[in-house]
Amino acid sequence: MSSDSTKASRVSFASLTPNNLGTVRKLNSVLFPIKYSEKFYQGILLPEVDDFCKLVYYNDIPVGTICCRLETKDDEVKLYLMTMGVLAPYRSRSLGSQSLQLILASAAAHRKPKINKVYLHVQVSNHDAKKFYERHGFTELCTRVDYVYTFM
């Protein structure tokens, strides 16, 4: 078995459910410097975002999350990547890349409604995240109040 297939078999994704929401909360508390609201957690359980909100597993251990929401304005549908994170000991194993690729493929395949754009925000001080998203084809649009990059 090649190392690529071994590596790929270690990573899996699970849809978010009320049963694993506690795991998402715990991961978010470790991964992100802010506390997310109850509205955030209820929103990531909505059926319309099932393809865009996932728990990331490595060897059956939950090690990360990716959560997005759909936004519609003036007949344009955007996918906003709200959060994506992988626990520090599991970084540099392509988990973030595989998570992002899964979401981008789901967005490209989504037809009802068709998603026109994918965007996100990154803190100015998070140089690693900025480089990560640039490597994956995102470009900086603007800086807001010296603390957020916006990519599309």
Protein backbone atom coordinates (compact mmCIF):
# COMPACT_ATOMS: atom_id res chain seq x y z
CA MET A 1 0.00 0.00 0.00
CA SER A 2 1.41 3.39 -0.92
CA SER A 3 1.91 6.06 1.71
CA ASP A 4 -0.60 8.31 -0.08
CA SER A 5 -3.44 5.80 0.26
CA THR A 6 -2.46 5.09 3.86
CA LYS A 7 -2.43 8.80 4.63
CA ALA A 8 -5.81 9.35 2.98
CA SER A 9 -7.40 6.43 4.83
CA ARG A 10 -6.54 8.00 8.19
CA VAL A 11 -8.71 11.08 7.55
CA SER A 12 -12.49 11.02 7.65
CA PHE A 13 -15.31 13.53 8.00
CA ALA A 14 -18.60 13.35 9.88
CA SER A 15 -21.71 15.45 9.56
CA LEU A 16 -22.61 17.49 12.62
CA THR A 17 -25.47 16.21 14.75
CA PRO A 18 -26.87 17.02 18.19
CA ASN A 19 -24.94 13.93 19.40
CA ASN A 20 -21.51 15.24 18.38
CA LEU A 21 -22.13 18.95 18.96
CA GLY A 22 -20.39 18.72 22.34
CA THR A 23 -17.24 17.56 20.56
CA VAL A 24 -17.47 20.55 18.20
CA ARG A 25 -17.89 22.91 21.18
CA LYS A 26 -14.85 21.44 22.92
CA LEU A 27 -12.68 21.63 19.79
CA ASN A 28 -13.78 25.23 19.15
CA SER A 29 -12.91 26.21 22.73
CA VAL A 30 -9.36 24.92 22.18
CA LEU A 31 -8.91 26.09 18.58
CA PHE A 32 -10.36 29.60 18.58
CA PRO A 33 -9.87 32.63 20.83
CA ILE A 34 -13.58 33.48 21.02
CA LYS A 35 -16.66 31.82 22.50
CA TYR A 36 -19.30 31.01 19.89
CA SER A 37 -22.97 31.73 20.55
CA GLU A 38 -25.82 29.27 20.79
CA LYS A 39 -27.06 30.72 17.47
CA PHE A 40 -23.77 29.65 15.84
CA TYR A 41 -24.15 26.08 17.13
CA GLN A 42 -27.79 25.81 16.07
CA GLY A 43 -26.89 27.22 12.63
CA ILE A 44 -24.24 24.59 11.95
CA LEU A 45 -26.82 21.84 12.51
CA LEU A 46 -29.20 23.10 9.81
CA PRO A 47 -29.82 20.56 7.02
CA GLU A 48 -28.89 23.05 4.27
CA VAL A 49 -25.30 23.27 5.55
CA ASP A 50 -24.74 19.53 6.10
CA ASP A 51 -22.27 19.41 3.19
CA PHE A 52 -20.37 22.41 4.58
CA CYS A 53 -20.06 21.69 8.32
CA LYS A 54 -17.94 18.71 9.33
CA LEU A 55 -15.99 17.16 12.15
CA VAL A 56 -12.51 16.12 11.01
CA TYR A 57 -11.19 12.78 12.25
CA TYR A 58 -7.67 11.40 12.15
CA ASN A 59 -7.44 7.69 12.98
CA ASP A 60 -11.00 7.92 14.38
CA ILE A 61 -10.03 10.76 16.76
CA PRO A 62 -11.89 14.09 16.35
CA VAL A 63 -9.11 16.61 15.70
CA GLY A 64 -10.75 19.49 13.84
CA THR A 65 -13.83 21.22 12.52
CA ILE A 66 -14.92 23.16 9.49
CA CYS A 67 -18.15 25.18 9.57
CA CYS A 68 -19.73 27.31 6.87
CA ARG A 69 -23.01 29.11 6.27
CA LEU A 70 -24.90 30.01 3.12
CA GLU A 71 -25.66 33.69 2.53
CA THR A 72 -28.05 35.02 -0.10
CA LYS A 73 -28.12 38.64 -1.18
CA ASP A 74 -29.45 40.08 -4.44
CA ASP A 75 -29.84 36.62 -6.03
CA GLU A 76 -26.20 35.82 -5.30
CA VAL A 77 -25.42 32.87 -3.03
CA LYS A 78 -22.12 32.90 -1.15
CA LEU A 79 -20.59 30.33 1.13
CA TYR A 80 -18.95 31.93 4.16
CA LEU A 81 -16.28 29.78 5.77
CA MET A 82 -16.87 30.73 9.41
CA THR A 83 -14.39 28.44 11.16
CA MET A 84 -11.77 25.90 10.24
CA GLY A 85 -9.23 24.50 12.64
CA VAL A 86 -7.13 21.45 13.41
CA LEU A 87 -5.57 20.70 16.80
CA ALA A 88 -1.87 21.64 16.86
CA PRO A 89 -0.45 18.08 17.19
CA TYR A 90 -2.31 17.08 14.00
CA ARG A 91 -1.28 19.99 11.78
CA SER A 92 1.06 19.46 8.82
CA ARG A 93 -0.76 16.23 7.94
CA SER A 94 -2.84 17.86 5.14
CA LEU A 95 -6.00 17.73 7.29
CA GLY A 96 -6.75 21.42 6.68
CA SER A 97 -6.14 21.04 2.94
CA GLN A 98 -8.38 17.98 2.75
CA SER A 99 -11.10 19.74 4.76
CA LEU A 100 -10.99 22.81 2.56
CA GLN A 101 -10.97 20.70 -0.63
CA LEU A 102 -14.04 18.80 0.60
CA ILE A 103 -15.93 22.05 1.21
CA LEU A 104 -14.86 23.63 -2.09
CA ALA A 105 -15.87 20.48 -4.02
CA SER A 106 -19.24 20.47 -2.24
CA ALA A 107 -19.70 24.16 -3.09
CA ALA A 108 -18.85 23.55 -6.76
CA ALA A 109 -21.31 20.64 -6.94
CA HIS A 110 -24.10 22.51 -5.12
CA ARG A 111 -26.85 23.38 -7.60
CA LYS A 112 -29.90 24.40 -5.58
CA PRO A 113 -28.98 27.11 -5.03
CA LYS A 114 -25.81 27.56 -7.10
CA ILE A 115 -23.01 29.00 -4.97
CA ASN A 116 -21.35 31.98 -6.67
CA LYS A 117 -18.49 32.67 -4.26
CA VAL A 118 -16.67 31.30 -1.23
CA TYR A 119 -15.17 33.77 1.24
CA LEU A 120 -13.69 33.98 4.71
CA HIS A 121 -11.90 36.27 7.15
CA VAL A 122 -8.46 35.78 8.68
CA GLN A 123 -6.92 37.77 11.50
CA VAL A 124 -4.08 39.95 10.23
CA SER A 125 -1.72 38.42 12.81
CA ASN A 126 -2.43 34.87 11.61
CA HIS A 127 0.27 34.70 8.91
CA ASP A 128 0.14 30.90 8.67
CA ALA A 129 -3.58 30.92 7.92
CA LYS A 130 -3.13 33.70 5.36
CA LYS A 131 -0.43 31.68 3.56
CA PHE A 132 -2.58 28.53 3.76
CA TYR A 133 -5.57 30.15 2.06
CA GLU A 134 -3.38 31.82 -0.57
CA ARG A 135 -1.87 28.39 -1.40
CA HIS A 136 -5.43 27.19 -1.99
CA GLY A 137 -6.33 29.91 -4.47
CA PHE A 138 -7.85 32.56 -2.23
CA THR A 139 -6.75 36.15 -2.74
CA GLU A 140 -6.84 39.06 -0.35
CA LEU A 141 -9.59 41.57 -1.09
CA CYS A 142 -9.19 44.05 1.72
CA THR A 143 -8.15 44.66 5.31
CA ARG A 144 -10.78 45.83 7.76
CA VAL A 145 -9.89 47.81 10.87
CA ASP A 146 -6.35 46.37 10.91
CA TYR A 147 -7.48 42.98 12.13
CA VAL A 148 -9.16 41.00 9.38
CA TYR A 149 -8.21 39.88 5.90
CA THR A 150 -11.08 39.09 3.58
CA PHE A 151 -10.50 36.46 0.91
CA MET A 152 -12.62 35.34 -1.99
